[in-house]
Each structure stands twice: as structure tokens, then as C-alpha cells.
N, C-alpha and C. Protein backbone atom coordinates (compact mmCIF):
# COMPACT_ATOMS: atom_id res chain seq x y z
N MET A 1 12.47 -15.77 12.73
CA MET A 1 12.61 -15.07 11.29
C MET A 1 13.94 -15.01 10.96
N ASP A 2 14.46 -15.09 10.02
CA ASP A 2 15.86 -15.05 9.55
C ASP A 2 16.20 -13.59 9.16
N LYS A 3 17.56 -13.39 9.01
CA LYS A 3 18.01 -12.06 8.82
C LYS A 3 17.55 -11.41 7.43
N GLN A 4 17.80 -12.49 6.64
CA GLN A 4 17.41 -12.14 5.05
C GLN A 4 15.95 -11.66 4.98
N THR A 5 15.05 -12.58 5.64
CA THR A 5 13.48 -12.32 5.59
C THR A 5 13.31 -10.75 6.15
N LEU A 6 14.02 -10.61 7.24
CA LEU A 6 13.73 -9.17 7.94
C LEU A 6 14.46 -8.19 6.99
N GLU A 7 15.42 -8.19 6.34
CA GLU A 7 15.99 -7.38 5.56
C GLU A 7 15.05 -6.96 4.40
N LEU A 8 14.45 -8.07 3.71
CA LEU A 8 13.66 -7.85 2.62
C LEU A 8 12.32 -6.99 3.04
N THR A 9 11.75 -7.53 4.10
CA THR A 9 10.65 -6.67 4.81
C THR A 9 11.01 -5.36 4.97
N LYS A 10 12.03 -5.12 5.52
CA LYS A 10 12.47 -3.51 5.62
C LYS A 10 12.72 -2.98 4.33
N GLU A 11 13.02 -3.62 3.41
CA GLU A 11 13.18 -2.81 2.09
C GLU A 11 11.75 -2.70 1.29
N TRP A 12 10.84 -3.55 1.73
CA TRP A 12 9.38 -3.27 1.20
C TRP A 12 8.92 -2.17 1.81
N ILE A 13 9.11 -1.97 3.21
CA ILE A 13 8.62 -0.81 4.08
C ILE A 13 9.41 0.43 3.54
N LYS A 14 10.59 0.37 3.35
CA LYS A 14 11.21 1.59 2.84
C LYS A 14 10.62 2.00 1.51
N LYS A 15 10.40 1.23 0.72
CA LYS A 15 9.99 1.57 -0.67
C LYS A 15 8.34 2.21 -0.60
N ALA A 16 7.72 1.45 0.40
CA ALA A 16 6.31 1.95 0.60
C ALA A 16 6.30 3.51 1.31
N GLU A 17 7.32 3.57 2.14
CA GLU A 17 7.43 4.95 2.78
C GLU A 17 7.84 6.11 1.77
N ASN A 18 8.75 5.68 0.80
CA ASN A 18 9.10 6.54 -0.33
C ASN A 18 7.94 6.90 -1.10
N ASP A 19 6.83 5.89 -1.47
CA ASP A 19 5.57 6.16 -2.22
C ASP A 19 4.74 7.16 -1.46
N LEU A 20 4.54 6.88 -0.18
CA LEU A 20 3.95 7.82 0.62
C LEU A 20 4.55 9.23 0.80
N ARG A 21 5.67 9.25 1.02
CA ARG A 21 6.32 10.62 0.99
C ARG A 21 6.30 11.44 -0.31
N SER A 22 6.40 10.72 -1.34
CA SER A 22 5.97 11.15 -2.69
C SER A 22 4.70 11.79 -2.80
N ALA A 23 3.71 10.90 -2.47
CA ALA A 23 2.15 11.42 -2.35
C ALA A 23 1.97 12.57 -1.59
N GLU A 24 2.48 12.71 -0.32
CA GLU A 24 2.40 13.74 0.46
C GLU A 24 3.19 14.96 0.02
N TYR A 25 4.14 14.85 -0.54
CA TYR A 25 4.87 16.09 -1.12
C TYR A 25 4.05 16.63 -2.27
N LEU A 26 3.82 15.71 -3.22
CA LEU A 26 3.15 16.20 -4.47
C LEU A 26 1.64 16.97 -4.07
N ILE A 27 1.06 16.57 -3.11
CA ILE A 27 -0.25 17.09 -2.77
C ILE A 27 -0.05 18.56 -2.54
N THR A 28 1.08 18.87 -2.00
CA THR A 28 1.36 20.34 -1.58
C THR A 28 1.60 21.33 -2.77
N MET A 29 1.62 20.85 -3.88
CA MET A 29 1.94 21.70 -5.11
C MET A 29 0.55 22.37 -5.39
N GLU A 30 0.95 23.58 -6.06
CA GLU A 30 -0.19 24.44 -6.42
C GLU A 30 -1.34 23.66 -7.38
N LEU A 31 -0.69 22.97 -8.37
CA LEU A 31 -1.54 22.21 -9.23
C LEU A 31 -1.12 20.74 -9.22
N PRO A 32 -1.46 20.13 -7.98
CA PRO A 32 -0.90 18.75 -7.78
C PRO A 32 -1.47 17.81 -8.84
N PRO A 33 -0.40 16.82 -9.29
CA PRO A 33 -0.77 15.75 -10.29
C PRO A 33 -1.69 14.64 -9.48
N THR A 34 -2.77 14.90 -9.41
CA THR A 34 -3.74 13.94 -8.68
C THR A 34 -3.67 12.50 -8.91
N ASP A 35 -3.40 12.15 -10.41
CA ASP A 35 -3.19 10.93 -10.67
C ASP A 35 -2.09 10.21 -10.14
N THR A 36 -0.95 10.89 -10.13
CA THR A 36 0.19 10.43 -9.58
C THR A 36 0.17 10.47 -8.05
N ILE A 37 -0.40 11.24 -7.43
CA ILE A 37 -0.65 11.01 -6.11
C ILE A 37 -1.27 9.90 -5.85
N CYS A 38 -2.49 9.50 -6.50
CA CYS A 38 -3.20 8.28 -6.23
C CYS A 38 -2.41 6.94 -6.42
N PHE A 39 -1.71 7.26 -7.74
CA PHE A 39 -0.75 5.97 -7.91
C PHE A 39 0.11 5.60 -6.81
N HIS A 40 0.91 6.67 -6.39
CA HIS A 40 1.73 6.46 -5.25
C HIS A 40 1.01 6.10 -3.82
N SER A 41 -0.08 6.39 -3.59
CA SER A 41 -0.78 5.83 -2.38
C SER A 41 -1.37 4.34 -2.61
N GLU A 42 -1.59 4.04 -3.77
CA GLU A 42 -1.67 2.47 -3.96
C GLU A 42 -0.66 1.81 -3.80
N GLN A 43 0.42 2.46 -4.53
CA GLN A 43 1.69 1.52 -4.28
C GLN A 43 2.36 1.58 -2.91
N CYS A 44 2.00 2.48 -2.14
CA CYS A 44 2.35 2.53 -0.66
C CYS A 44 1.44 1.24 0.03
N ALA A 45 0.37 1.39 -0.13
CA ALA A 45 -0.45 0.22 0.56
C ALA A 45 0.03 -1.11 0.04
N GLU A 46 0.10 -1.13 -1.28
CA GLU A 46 0.61 -2.70 -1.81
C GLU A 46 1.80 -2.98 -1.27
N LYS A 47 2.76 -2.14 -1.08
CA LYS A 47 4.13 -2.42 -0.64
C LYS A 47 3.92 -2.99 1.02
N TYR A 48 3.20 -2.16 1.49
CA TYR A 48 3.10 -2.31 3.00
C TYR A 48 2.38 -4.17 3.14
N LEU A 49 1.48 -4.35 2.35
CA LEU A 49 0.78 -5.43 2.32
C LEU A 49 2.03 -6.59 2.03
N LYS A 50 2.94 -6.42 1.00
CA LYS A 50 3.93 -7.37 0.58
C LYS A 50 4.95 -7.46 1.48
N GLY A 51 5.18 -6.38 2.36
CA GLY A 51 6.07 -6.46 3.56
C GLY A 51 5.60 -7.48 4.48
N PHE A 52 4.29 -7.39 4.71
CA PHE A 52 3.68 -8.25 5.76
C PHE A 52 3.90 -9.80 5.20
N LEU A 53 3.44 -9.83 4.03
CA LEU A 53 3.53 -11.29 3.42
C LEU A 53 5.02 -11.84 3.54
N THR A 54 5.98 -10.96 3.16
CA THR A 54 7.16 -11.34 3.28
C THR A 54 7.78 -11.80 4.57
N ILE A 55 7.46 -11.07 5.68
CA ILE A 55 7.91 -11.30 7.07
C ILE A 55 7.25 -12.67 7.35
N LYS A 56 6.15 -12.88 6.78
CA LYS A 56 5.25 -14.17 7.30
C LYS A 56 5.91 -15.36 6.25
N GLY A 57 6.68 -15.18 5.46
CA GLY A 57 7.17 -16.40 4.56
C GLY A 57 6.30 -16.70 3.55
N ILE A 58 5.17 -15.88 3.08
CA ILE A 58 4.14 -16.14 2.31
C ILE A 58 4.44 -15.72 0.92
N GLU A 59 4.71 -16.57 0.05
CA GLU A 59 4.97 -16.20 -1.38
C GLU A 59 3.95 -15.70 -2.08
N PHE A 60 3.93 -14.57 -2.95
CA PHE A 60 2.97 -13.99 -3.74
C PHE A 60 3.28 -13.80 -4.99
N GLU A 61 2.14 -13.59 -5.80
CA GLU A 61 2.33 -13.31 -7.30
C GLU A 61 2.85 -11.80 -7.64
N ARG A 62 3.49 -11.67 -8.62
CA ARG A 62 3.62 -10.08 -8.93
C ARG A 62 2.27 -9.70 -9.29
N SER A 63 1.75 -8.83 -8.42
CA SER A 63 0.37 -8.26 -8.60
C SER A 63 0.15 -6.84 -8.03
N HIS A 64 -0.67 -6.15 -8.65
CA HIS A 64 -1.05 -4.79 -8.12
C HIS A 64 -2.54 -4.98 -7.67
N ASP A 65 -3.02 -5.93 -7.47
CA ASP A 65 -4.49 -6.11 -7.02
C ASP A 65 -4.36 -6.26 -5.36
N LEU A 66 -4.89 -5.25 -4.96
CA LEU A 66 -4.87 -5.02 -3.48
C LEU A 66 -5.69 -6.40 -2.79
N ASP A 67 -6.85 -6.61 -3.47
CA ASP A 67 -7.71 -7.65 -3.06
C ASP A 67 -7.11 -8.97 -3.02
N TYR A 68 -6.34 -9.27 -4.01
CA TYR A 68 -5.45 -10.51 -3.99
C TYR A 68 -4.61 -10.49 -2.82
N LEU A 69 -3.83 -9.50 -2.58
CA LEU A 69 -2.91 -9.25 -1.69
C LEU A 69 -3.43 -9.41 -0.15
N LEU A 70 -4.52 -8.79 -0.16
CA LEU A 70 -5.48 -8.97 1.15
C LEU A 70 -5.83 -10.30 1.56
N ASP A 71 -6.11 -11.17 0.37
CA ASP A 71 -6.61 -12.44 0.68
C ASP A 71 -5.47 -13.26 1.16
N GLU A 72 -4.28 -13.07 0.48
CA GLU A 72 -3.04 -13.73 0.96
C GLU A 72 -2.61 -13.20 2.43
N CYS A 73 -2.87 -12.16 2.74
CA CYS A 73 -2.76 -11.75 4.09
C CYS A 73 -3.63 -12.33 5.30
N LYS A 74 -4.83 -12.37 4.66
CA LYS A 74 -5.83 -12.99 5.42
C LYS A 74 -5.59 -14.65 5.85
N ARG A 75 -4.88 -15.28 5.13
CA ARG A 75 -4.36 -16.45 5.38
C ARG A 75 -3.51 -16.55 6.78
N GLU A 76 -2.94 -15.36 7.18
CA GLU A 76 -2.47 -15.28 8.44
C GLU A 76 -3.22 -14.62 9.54
N ASN A 77 -3.86 -13.65 9.00
CA ASN A 77 -4.67 -13.00 9.95
C ASN A 77 -5.79 -12.20 9.43
N LEU A 78 -7.10 -12.88 10.01
CA LEU A 78 -8.41 -12.41 9.43
C LEU A 78 -8.76 -10.91 9.44
N GLU A 79 -7.82 -10.26 10.39
CA GLU A 79 -8.34 -8.82 10.56
C GLU A 79 -7.99 -8.01 9.38
N PHE A 80 -7.32 -8.57 8.47
CA PHE A 80 -6.84 -7.79 7.20
C PHE A 80 -8.24 -7.59 6.59
N GLU A 81 -9.43 -8.19 6.78
CA GLU A 81 -10.64 -7.84 5.82
C GLU A 81 -10.97 -6.58 6.16
N GLU A 82 -10.45 -5.87 7.47
CA GLU A 82 -10.87 -4.55 7.85
C GLU A 82 -10.57 -3.62 6.69
N LEU A 83 -9.53 -3.90 5.65
CA LEU A 83 -9.08 -3.04 4.80
C LEU A 83 -9.61 -3.23 3.45
N ARG A 84 -10.55 -4.18 3.34
CA ARG A 84 -11.10 -4.46 2.09
C ARG A 84 -11.83 -3.23 1.43
N ASP A 85 -12.30 -2.21 2.09
CA ASP A 85 -12.95 -1.40 1.34
C ASP A 85 -11.84 -0.27 0.82
N ILE A 86 -10.86 -0.06 1.70
CA ILE A 86 -9.59 0.54 1.23
C ILE A 86 -8.91 -0.07 -0.08
N ALA A 87 -8.96 -1.19 -0.12
CA ALA A 87 -8.32 -1.95 -1.14
C ALA A 87 -9.09 -1.83 -2.39
N GLU A 88 -10.21 -1.86 -2.34
CA GLU A 88 -11.35 -1.70 -3.55
C GLU A 88 -11.16 -0.29 -4.13
N ASP A 89 -10.90 0.69 -3.15
CA ASP A 89 -10.97 2.10 -3.63
C ASP A 89 -9.49 2.54 -4.26
N LEU A 90 -8.24 1.87 -3.57
CA LEU A 90 -7.06 2.21 -4.19
C LEU A 90 -6.72 1.42 -5.39
N THR A 91 -7.08 -0.01 -5.52
CA THR A 91 -6.66 -0.75 -6.65
C THR A 91 -6.65 -0.18 -7.95
N PRO A 92 -7.87 0.52 -8.30
CA PRO A 92 -7.70 1.12 -9.66
C PRO A 92 -6.68 2.20 -9.91
N TYR A 93 -6.29 2.68 -8.93
CA TYR A 93 -5.04 3.70 -9.24
C TYR A 93 -3.61 2.89 -9.47
N ALA A 94 -3.61 1.53 -9.48
CA ALA A 94 -2.29 0.89 -9.74
C ALA A 94 -2.09 0.93 -11.22
N VAL A 95 -3.04 0.53 -11.98
CA VAL A 95 -2.76 0.66 -13.44
C VAL A 95 -3.65 1.57 -14.32
N GLU A 96 -5.04 1.39 -14.05
CA GLU A 96 -5.92 2.12 -15.00
C GLU A 96 -5.59 3.70 -15.17
N ILE A 97 -5.16 4.31 -14.15
CA ILE A 97 -5.10 5.79 -14.19
C ILE A 97 -3.86 6.05 -15.01
N ARG A 98 -2.84 5.11 -15.15
CA ARG A 98 -1.50 5.30 -15.61
C ARG A 98 -1.49 5.58 -17.37
N TYR A 99 -2.64 5.23 -17.81
CA TYR A 99 -2.58 5.31 -19.39
C TYR A 99 -3.59 6.30 -19.96
N PRO A 100 -3.19 7.03 -20.86
CA PRO A 100 -4.23 8.02 -21.46
C PRO A 100 -5.72 7.80 -21.84
N ASP A 101 -5.61 6.49 -22.41
CA ASP A 101 -7.04 6.00 -22.63
C ASP A 101 -8.06 5.72 -21.46
N ASP A 102 -7.41 5.61 -20.32
CA ASP A 102 -8.34 5.58 -19.33
C ASP A 102 -8.51 6.68 -18.11
N PHE A 103 -7.91 7.75 -18.81
CA PHE A 103 -7.54 8.74 -17.79
C PHE A 103 -8.92 9.39 -17.29
N VAL A 104 -9.15 9.75 -16.18
CA VAL A 104 -10.14 10.34 -15.51
C VAL A 104 -9.85 11.41 -14.60
N GLU A 105 -10.40 12.52 -14.64
CA GLU A 105 -10.04 13.44 -13.71
C GLU A 105 -10.19 13.24 -12.26
N ILE A 106 -9.17 13.43 -11.40
CA ILE A 106 -9.37 13.24 -10.02
C ILE A 106 -9.20 14.43 -9.30
N SER A 107 -10.02 14.75 -8.28
CA SER A 107 -10.01 15.92 -7.66
C SER A 107 -8.80 15.80 -6.52
N VAL A 108 -8.49 16.98 -6.05
CA VAL A 108 -7.61 17.21 -5.00
C VAL A 108 -7.98 16.37 -3.74
N ASN A 109 -9.27 16.55 -3.44
CA ASN A 109 -9.85 15.91 -2.31
C ASN A 109 -9.74 14.48 -2.33
N GLU A 110 -10.09 13.97 -3.57
CA GLU A 110 -10.05 12.29 -3.81
C GLU A 110 -8.59 11.93 -3.58
N ALA A 111 -7.66 12.70 -3.97
CA ALA A 111 -6.15 12.44 -4.00
C ALA A 111 -5.83 12.33 -2.41
N SER A 112 -6.25 13.29 -1.78
CA SER A 112 -5.93 13.59 -0.28
C SER A 112 -6.60 12.18 0.44
N GLU A 113 -7.78 12.01 0.03
CA GLU A 113 -8.36 10.55 0.51
C GLU A 113 -7.65 9.44 0.35
N ALA A 114 -7.02 9.32 -0.83
CA ALA A 114 -6.02 8.24 -1.14
C ALA A 114 -4.91 8.24 -0.19
N ILE A 115 -4.31 9.31 0.05
CA ILE A 115 -3.16 9.40 1.06
C ILE A 115 -3.60 8.95 2.33
N GLU A 116 -4.79 9.36 2.63
CA GLU A 116 -5.18 8.87 4.06
C GLU A 116 -5.60 7.39 4.25
N LYS A 117 -6.06 6.85 3.04
CA LYS A 117 -6.23 5.36 3.06
C LYS A 117 -5.09 4.58 3.06
N ALA A 118 -3.89 5.15 2.36
CA ALA A 118 -2.74 4.46 2.42
C ALA A 118 -2.11 4.61 3.94
N LYS A 119 -2.27 5.69 4.42
CA LYS A 119 -1.77 5.73 5.87
C LYS A 119 -2.56 4.59 6.81
N LYS A 120 -3.59 4.32 6.63
CA LYS A 120 -4.43 3.40 7.40
C LYS A 120 -4.15 2.09 6.94
N VAL A 121 -3.58 1.76 5.85
CA VAL A 121 -2.85 0.41 5.65
C VAL A 121 -1.54 0.36 6.38
N LYS A 122 -0.84 1.50 6.16
CA LYS A 122 0.39 1.63 6.94
C LYS A 122 0.29 1.41 8.16
N ASN A 123 -0.48 2.16 9.08
CA ASN A 123 -0.63 1.94 10.37
C ASN A 123 -1.29 0.47 10.66
N PHE A 124 -2.02 -0.05 9.96
CA PHE A 124 -2.33 -1.37 10.28
C PHE A 124 -1.36 -2.40 10.30
N VAL A 125 -0.69 -2.41 9.26
CA VAL A 125 0.37 -3.30 8.95
C VAL A 125 1.73 -3.05 9.96
N LEU A 126 2.01 -1.78 10.12
CA LEU A 126 3.09 -1.55 11.16
C LEU A 126 2.69 -2.15 12.47
N GLY A 127 1.28 -2.00 12.90
CA GLY A 127 1.06 -2.44 14.15
C GLY A 127 1.09 -3.99 14.31
N LEU A 128 0.95 -4.68 13.33
CA LEU A 128 1.05 -6.07 13.19
C LEU A 128 2.55 -6.45 13.23
N LEU A 129 3.21 -5.87 12.36
CA LEU A 129 4.71 -6.09 12.26
C LEU A 129 5.37 -5.88 13.55
N GLN A 130 5.04 -4.77 14.47
CA GLN A 130 5.62 -4.46 15.70
C GLN A 130 5.23 -5.66 16.71
N LYS A 131 4.11 -6.29 16.64
CA LYS A 131 3.67 -7.26 17.59
C LYS A 131 4.49 -8.50 17.21
N LEU A 132 4.68 -8.74 15.96
CA LEU A 132 5.63 -9.76 15.33
C LEU A 132 6.91 -9.93 15.94
N LEU A 133 7.60 -8.49 15.93
CA LEU A 133 8.98 -8.31 16.36
C LEU A 133 9.11 -8.61 17.73
N GLN A 134 8.25 -8.14 18.35
CA GLN A 134 8.11 -8.24 19.65
C GLN A 134 7.93 -9.78 20.31
N GLN A 135 7.39 -10.60 19.55
CA GLN A 135 7.18 -11.96 19.82
C GLN A 135 8.51 -12.89 19.59
N SER A 136 9.35 -12.37 18.68
CA SER A 136 10.55 -13.14 18.14
C SER A 136 11.73 -12.79 18.87
């Protein structure tokens, strides 16, 4: 893997971590903005998947659809199917909840679960990236 690919992958991870940190901080507020927390949780998962695709040299469309990104990741590793339920749960937070017409009330518990799901994607992808870096 070349230096440019590694640097771009690191940028995806950094951006994913910023989304996760934002969600974790916002959930501690007295009246947490649950829609924003869920959005950042989805963004975290999305960017970790894009980081994996980047390090593997797989080009992908600009998309917020985690199912699509998982399908692309599965071309390299079938274990990504383990994340399918998480993807289906988080994907609606990418676009739908950002607009007033589609606003739905999200509980603090649901927002906390979104953070945990993002962390599962993070841990899964980081585990694979660590193995890849050890092999190279």
C-alpha cells in the first residue's frame, strides 16, 4: 500500500472519530439533540467503511447508504455481512432525519444505541485494518 492511500485512510478514520466524539459529547447534555447524535453515529460508521474501502483500493460512489458500502466492503471480506443489521438501523439517520418534513422524535435511549452501533462498526473495521497493516 502506498503512502498516499495510507494517509487518505487515516483521514477517513480521523473524520470518523470526530463524528463519534461529537455524538458521545452531545449525549451528555441535559437535553441532548438526539437527531444530531444519530446523524453523527451514522457518519462515524460510514467513514470507517470508507476508510476500509480506501485502504483496499476500492473506488466507491459518494453515498450515505451503509448497505451499499457494506456490499462494496464484502467484495474484500465476507465478514462485513455481520454489520448488516447495524447498517440497516443507522442508514436512515444519514439523510431522512436531517430535514423538518421527515422529523421523528428519537429517544435518548435510541441515540445511545446508535452510538454503540457506531462503535461496533469502528471496532470491526479497526480490527481488520490492524491486521492489514501487520501484513504489509
